[in-house]
Protein backbone atom coordinates (compact mmCIF):
# COMPACT_ATOMS: atom_id res chain seq x y z
CA MET A 1 -52.67 4.33 -26.05
CA LEU A 2 -51.31 1.25 -24.32
CA THR A 3 -48.97 1.90 -21.42
CA ALA A 4 -46.35 -0.40 -19.95
CA SER A 5 -46.26 -1.43 -16.33
CA LEU A 6 -43.09 -2.79 -14.73
CA GLU A 7 -42.53 -4.02 -11.18
CA LYS A 8 -39.60 -5.42 -9.22
CA THR A 9 -40.57 -8.88 -10.44
CA GLY A 10 -39.53 -7.71 -13.91
CA ILE A 11 -42.90 -8.56 -15.44
CA THR A 12 -43.94 -6.01 -18.06
CA LEU A 13 -47.61 -5.64 -18.96
CA LEU A 14 -49.41 -3.40 -21.43
CA ARG A 15 -52.67 -1.77 -20.41
CA SER A 16 -55.17 0.55 -22.06
CA ARG A 17 -55.50 4.01 -20.56
CA GLN A 18 -59.18 4.27 -21.44
CA LEU A 19 -59.99 0.86 -19.95
CA ALA A 20 -57.99 1.69 -16.82
CA ALA A 21 -60.69 4.27 -16.06
CA SER A 22 -63.11 1.42 -15.20
CA PRO A 23 -62.32 0.28 -11.63
CA TRP A 24 -64.49 -2.84 -11.99
CA LEU A 25 -62.35 -4.13 -14.85
CA VAL A 26 -59.17 -6.22 -14.87
CA HIS A 27 -57.38 -6.26 -18.22
CA GLY A 28 -53.97 -6.37 -19.82
CA PHE A 29 -51.66 -7.77 -22.47
CA SER A 30 -48.64 -9.74 -21.36
CA THR A 31 -45.17 -9.49 -22.88
CA ARG A 32 -42.34 -12.01 -22.73
CA VAL A 33 -40.48 -10.05 -20.07
CA GLY A 34 -40.08 -11.22 -16.49
CA GLY A 35 -41.01 -14.90 -16.29
CA PHE A 36 -39.31 -18.17 -15.39
CA SER A 37 -39.16 -19.94 -18.77
CA ARG A 38 -35.80 -20.64 -20.37
CA ALA A 39 -36.90 -22.63 -23.41
CA CYS A 40 -35.69 -19.81 -25.68
CA GLY A 41 -32.47 -19.23 -23.75
CA ARG A 42 -33.58 -16.71 -21.12
CA GLY A 43 -36.20 -16.01 -18.48
CA ASP A 44 -39.45 -15.46 -20.36
CA LEU A 45 -43.07 -15.06 -19.33
CA ASN A 46 -44.44 -17.88 -21.47
CA LEU A 47 -48.12 -18.33 -20.59
CA GLY A 48 -48.89 -21.14 -23.04
CA PHE A 49 -48.49 -24.87 -22.47
CA THR A 50 -46.16 -25.43 -25.43
CA ASN A 51 -44.07 -28.49 -26.23
CA ASP A 52 -40.84 -26.61 -25.48
CA ASP A 53 -41.70 -25.58 -21.92
CA SER A 54 -42.62 -27.46 -18.77
CA ARG A 55 -46.13 -27.25 -17.34
CA THR A 56 -44.68 -26.45 -13.92
CA THR A 57 -42.82 -23.42 -15.27
CA VAL A 58 -45.84 -22.17 -17.22
CA ALA A 59 -47.97 -22.52 -14.07
CA ARG A 60 -45.43 -20.37 -12.17
CA ASN A 61 -45.56 -17.80 -14.96
CA ARG A 62 -49.35 -17.70 -14.87
CA GLU A 63 -49.38 -17.25 -11.12
CA ALA A 64 -46.95 -14.33 -11.34
CA PHE A 65 -48.99 -12.84 -14.19
CA LEU A 66 -52.25 -13.01 -12.21
CA LYS A 67 -50.65 -11.39 -9.19
CA LYS A 68 -49.27 -8.60 -11.35
CA LEU A 69 -52.72 -8.03 -12.85
CA GLY A 70 -54.34 -7.94 -9.43
CA ALA A 71 -56.68 -10.80 -10.34
CA LEU A 72 -57.10 -11.83 -6.71
CA ARG A 73 -60.07 -12.64 -4.50
CA ARG A 74 -59.97 -12.06 -0.77
CA THR A 75 -60.93 -14.93 1.52
CA ARG A 76 -60.66 -15.54 5.26
CA LYS A 77 -57.45 -17.43 4.63
CA GLY A 78 -55.92 -14.78 2.39
CA HIS A 79 -55.97 -14.11 -1.33
CA VAL A 80 -56.98 -16.63 -3.99
CA LEU A 81 -56.04 -16.23 -7.65
CA TRP A 82 -58.82 -15.98 -10.20
CA PRO A 83 -59.21 -18.94 -12.55
CA ILE A 84 -58.06 -18.39 -16.15
CA VAL A 85 -60.46 -19.51 -18.87
CA THR A 86 -58.73 -20.34 -22.16
CA LEU A 87 -59.73 -22.02 -25.41
CA ARG A 88 -58.26 -24.51 -27.79
CA GLN A 89 -57.89 -21.91 -30.52
CA ILE A 90 -58.60 -23.07 -34.07
CA HIS A 91 -58.59 -19.84 -36.14
CA SER A 92 -62.39 -19.80 -36.32
CA ASP A 93 -65.26 -17.38 -35.69
CA LEU A 94 -66.62 -19.52 -32.85
CA ILE A 95 -67.44 -17.39 -29.79
CA ARG A 96 -68.27 -18.88 -26.39
CA HIS A 97 -70.57 -17.32 -23.78
CA ILE A 98 -68.86 -18.05 -20.45
CA GLU A 99 -71.02 -18.04 -17.31
CA SER A 100 -68.69 -20.06 -15.07
CA VAL A 101 -65.43 -21.97 -15.32
CA PRO A 102 -66.03 -24.74 -17.90
CA GLU A 103 -65.79 -28.32 -16.67
CA GLU A 104 -64.30 -29.45 -19.99
CA PRO A 105 -61.86 -27.65 -22.33
CA LEU A 106 -63.62 -25.50 -24.94
CA THR A 107 -62.76 -24.94 -28.58
CA GLY A 108 -63.10 -21.56 -30.29
CA ASP A 109 -61.50 -18.16 -30.73
CA GLY A 110 -63.62 -15.78 -28.73
CA MET A 111 -65.28 -15.52 -25.32
CA ILE A 112 -67.74 -13.12 -23.73
CA THR A 113 -68.98 -12.89 -20.14
CA ARG A 114 -70.73 -10.87 -17.45
CA ALA A 115 -69.60 -13.29 -14.73
CA SER A 116 -67.20 -11.84 -12.17
CA GLY A 117 -64.11 -13.34 -10.63
CA LEU A 118 -62.72 -15.14 -13.66
CA LEU A 119 -60.28 -14.11 -16.35
CA LEU A 120 -60.95 -14.66 -20.06
CA ALA A 121 -57.66 -15.18 -21.90
CA ILE A 122 -56.62 -15.33 -25.56
CA GLN A 123 -53.14 -16.64 -26.39
CA THR A 124 -51.08 -15.11 -29.20
CA ALA A 125 -47.62 -15.01 -30.72
CA ASP A 126 -48.27 -12.88 -33.86
CA CYS A 127 -52.07 -12.94 -34.20
CA LEU A 128 -53.97 -10.04 -32.69
CA PRO A 129 -55.66 -10.18 -29.28
CA VAL A 130 -58.77 -8.00 -29.17
CA ILE A 131 -60.52 -6.92 -25.95
CA ILE A 132 -64.02 -5.42 -26.07
CA VAL A 133 -65.61 -3.92 -22.96
CA ASP A 134 -69.19 -2.77 -22.35
CA THR A 135 -68.70 0.06 -19.89
CA ARG A 136 -72.45 0.41 -19.21
CA ASN A 137 -73.47 -3.23 -18.68
CA HIS A 138 -70.14 -4.41 -17.24
CA ALA A 139 -69.48 -7.14 -19.79
CA VAL A 140 -66.24 -8.16 -21.52
CA GLY A 141 -65.11 -10.12 -24.54
CA VAL A 142 -61.74 -11.35 -25.78
CA PHE A 143 -61.02 -12.49 -29.33
CA HIS A 144 -58.19 -14.18 -31.23
CA ALA A 145 -57.79 -12.53 -34.65
CA GLY A 146 -55.36 -14.16 -37.03
CA TRP A 147 -55.99 -13.70 -40.74
CA ARG A 148 -58.40 -16.65 -40.86
CA GLY A 149 -60.47 -15.39 -37.93
CA THR A 150 -60.35 -11.87 -39.34
CA VAL A 151 -61.64 -12.89 -42.77
CA LYS A 152 -64.47 -14.66 -40.90
CA ARG A 153 -65.21 -11.35 -39.10
CA ILE A 154 -64.57 -12.52 -35.56
CA ALA A 155 -64.23 -8.98 -34.13
CA GLU A 156 -67.42 -7.82 -35.84
CA LYS A 157 -69.27 -10.94 -34.73
CA GLY A 158 -67.93 -10.45 -31.21
CA VAL A 159 -69.68 -7.10 -31.02
CA GLY A 160 -72.81 -8.76 -32.36
CA GLU A 161 -72.69 -11.45 -29.68
CA MET A 162 -72.35 -8.87 -26.93
CA ILE A 163 -75.37 -7.04 -28.32
CA ARG A 164 -77.35 -10.28 -28.49
CA CYS A 165 -76.37 -11.71 -25.10
CA PHE A 166 -76.00 -8.60 -22.95
CA GLY A 167 -78.01 -5.91 -24.69
CA SER A 168 -74.82 -3.96 -25.34
CA ARG A 169 -75.00 -0.78 -27.38
CA PRO A 170 -72.03 -0.12 -29.67
CA LYS A 171 -71.70 3.47 -28.44
CA ASN A 172 -70.94 2.09 -24.94
CA LEU A 173 -68.25 -0.31 -26.13
CA ARG A 174 -64.51 0.23 -25.81
CA ALA A 175 -62.15 -1.90 -27.90
CA VAL A 176 -58.41 -2.45 -27.61
CA ILE A 177 -56.29 -4.30 -30.17
CA GLY A 178 -53.14 -5.64 -28.55
CA PRO A 179 -49.66 -6.29 -29.96
CA GLY A 180 -49.42 -8.47 -33.05
CA ILE A 181 -47.65 -8.71 -36.35
CA GLN A 182 -48.08 -5.42 -38.22
CA GLY A 183 -48.41 -4.52 -41.86
CA CYS A 184 -44.67 -3.80 -42.04
CA CYS A 185 -43.88 -7.51 -41.61
CA TYR A 186 -46.98 -9.60 -42.25
CA GLU A 187 -46.20 -11.13 -45.63
CA VAL A 188 -48.99 -13.31 -47.02
CA GLY A 189 -49.80 -15.16 -50.22
CA GLU A 190 -52.07 -14.16 -53.08
CA GLU A 191 -54.67 -16.62 -51.84
CA VAL A 192 -55.06 -14.62 -48.62
CA ARG A 193 -55.68 -11.42 -50.53
CA THR A 194 -58.23 -13.19 -52.69
CA LYS A 195 -60.15 -14.34 -49.61
CA PHE A 196 -60.25 -10.81 -48.20
CA GLU A 197 -61.32 -9.36 -51.55
CA SER A 198 -64.25 -11.77 -51.61
CA GLN A 199 -65.47 -10.49 -48.21
CA PHE A 200 -64.62 -6.80 -47.84
CA ARG A 201 -65.16 -3.91 -50.24
CA TYR A 202 -62.23 -2.08 -48.65
CA ALA A 203 -59.82 -5.03 -49.03
CA ASP A 204 -57.56 -3.12 -51.43
CA ARG A 205 -56.69 -0.74 -48.58
CA LEU A 206 -55.48 -3.60 -46.40
CA PHE A 207 -52.70 -4.82 -48.69
CA ARG A 208 -49.52 -3.38 -50.13
CA GLU A 209 -47.12 -4.84 -52.66
CA VAL A 210 -43.35 -4.62 -52.73
CA LYS A 211 -41.24 -5.84 -55.63
CA GLU A 212 -38.11 -7.68 -54.63
CA SER A 213 -34.96 -5.81 -55.56
CA ASP A 214 -32.29 -7.56 -57.63
CA PRO A 215 -29.03 -5.60 -58.07
CA VAL A 216 -27.73 -8.04 -60.70
CA ARG A 217 -30.90 -7.65 -62.77
CA GLU A 218 -30.71 -3.87 -62.46
CA LYS A 219 -27.08 -3.80 -63.60
CA TYR A 220 -27.40 -6.37 -66.40
CA PRO A 221 -31.02 -6.22 -67.65
CA LEU A 222 -30.20 -7.91 -70.97
CA LEU A 223 -29.37 -11.14 -69.13
CA PHE A 224 -33.01 -11.42 -68.11
CA LEU A 225 -34.67 -10.93 -71.50
CA THR A 226 -37.50 -13.39 -72.19
CA ALA A 227 -39.67 -14.21 -75.18
CA ARG A 228 -42.74 -12.93 -73.34
CA ALA A 229 -43.86 -9.32 -73.59
CA PRO A 230 -42.67 -6.87 -72.47
CA GLY A 231 -39.39 -8.71 -72.82
CA HIS A 232 -38.19 -8.96 -69.25
CA GLY A 233 -39.20 -11.42 -66.58
CA GLU A 234 -41.20 -9.89 -63.77
CA LEU A 235 -39.63 -9.48 -60.35
CA LEU A 236 -41.32 -11.41 -57.59
CA ARG A 237 -43.85 -9.43 -55.58
CA LYS A 238 -44.26 -9.54 -51.83
CA ILE A 239 -47.74 -8.95 -50.43
CA PHE A 240 -48.23 -7.53 -46.94
CA LEU A 241 -51.49 -7.51 -44.95
CA ASP A 242 -52.43 -4.83 -42.41
CA LEU A 243 -54.24 -7.12 -39.99
CA LEU A 244 -54.66 -4.36 -37.43
CA GLU A 245 -56.51 -2.10 -39.86
CA ALA A 246 -58.68 -5.01 -40.98
CA ASN A 247 -59.90 -5.50 -37.41
CA ARG A 248 -60.30 -1.77 -36.82
CA GLN A 249 -62.56 -1.61 -39.87
CA GLN A 250 -64.68 -4.47 -38.51
CA LEU A 251 -65.14 -2.73 -35.18
CA LEU A 252 -66.15 0.46 -36.96
CA ALA A 253 -68.58 -1.48 -39.16
CA ALA A 254 -70.13 -2.94 -36.01
CA GLY A 255 -70.77 0.57 -34.69
CA VAL A 256 -67.93 1.02 -32.19
CA PRO A 257 -66.95 4.72 -32.25
CA ARG A 258 -63.55 5.42 -33.78
CA THR A 259 -62.49 7.31 -30.65
CA SER A 260 -63.31 4.22 -28.56
CA ILE A 261 -60.84 1.98 -30.42
CA GLU A 262 -57.23 1.76 -29.25
CA ALA A 263 -54.49 -0.22 -30.94
CA SER A 264 -50.93 -1.09 -30.01
CA PRO A 265 -48.32 0.05 -32.54
CA LEU A 266 -45.94 -2.71 -31.44
CA CYS A 267 -45.09 -5.33 -34.07
CA THR A 268 -44.26 -8.75 -32.64
CA ASN A 269 -41.94 -9.55 -35.56
CA CYS A 270 -40.01 -6.29 -35.07
CA HIS A 271 -39.68 -6.62 -31.27
CA PRO A 272 -38.81 -10.23 -30.36
CA GLU A 273 -36.90 -8.91 -27.33
CA LEU A 274 -40.23 -7.74 -25.85
CA LEU A 275 -42.86 -9.90 -27.52
CA PHE A 276 -43.17 -13.50 -28.63
CA SER A 277 -43.29 -13.93 -32.42
CA TYR A 278 -43.93 -17.23 -34.15
CA ARG A 279 -42.46 -15.89 -37.38
CA ALA A 280 -39.43 -14.14 -35.96
CA GLU A 281 -38.51 -17.23 -33.92
CA ARG A 282 -39.47 -19.77 -36.58
CA GLY A 283 -42.06 -21.53 -34.52
CA LYS A 284 -40.09 -22.11 -31.34
CA THR A 285 -41.56 -19.47 -29.09
CA GLY A 286 -43.86 -18.87 -26.15
CA ARG A 287 -47.35 -17.43 -25.92
CA MET A 288 -48.62 -14.12 -24.62
CA MET A 289 -52.11 -13.43 -23.29
CA GLY A 290 -54.70 -10.74 -23.80
CA VAL A 291 -57.04 -10.91 -20.81
CA ALA A 292 -60.13 -9.28 -19.37
CA GLY A 293 -62.24 -9.94 -16.27
CA ILE A 294 -64.79 -8.37 -13.96
CA ARG A 295 -64.10 -7.69 -10.30
CA GLU A 296 -66.48 -9.20 -7.75
């Protein structure tokens, strides 16, 4: 279960109870609450350099976020904030092995590391942020799972990369899926379902259909008679994808124990007062972060 943390600054974070048991680990999921951005009409904790917000304001938000997380390093002159490592996210299955702060911006949708003193960060505003932690080898990974990354198995491949690079064993992994758009609201097209069906034998369990209601059609059915059998035009169908369950199934397939997988029940589209949602706010919104790092 993810728990909320609120301080006098007003910043609200979500953390995993099972990951909080590892004192060497820094992790969390940001919300929109408690920052300095006013691009959407109020003070928000926007952590992404978007076109609608100033870089200065986002930098202030990031500084406040790091302090709230406790991502600090002691020096003779005081505390220094950890560097944040981000990616230019492209909805891919490209995973980067981070050993130090990159000199040039990187492209991809996942990162893994055993290096301490830096924070791996995935930015989201409907897509799912996934954190995977190796509690035995002290390694972490963060992954950006929209539908495109999910159909390319980014969470499953993330586990594979941690096994390959760090010798991780799935039984020692803990995974947390942060807030994102849930199956109640994530309407997709038929082409998305087709792509999932081509990749996963359990794809039928990830989708549900809802026929649009039409009170006029229900009251006057004869008005909608057609020459095609069975005589009435079909109501439009809405298709909804359970992206959270799709990623849970990938983690299970990779060998992560079911009891070691946590998931937030919060839907970004249902809770725009707490979370940024690209869909709910029609594209003009901020970005949240799912982050993980290793203490020095």
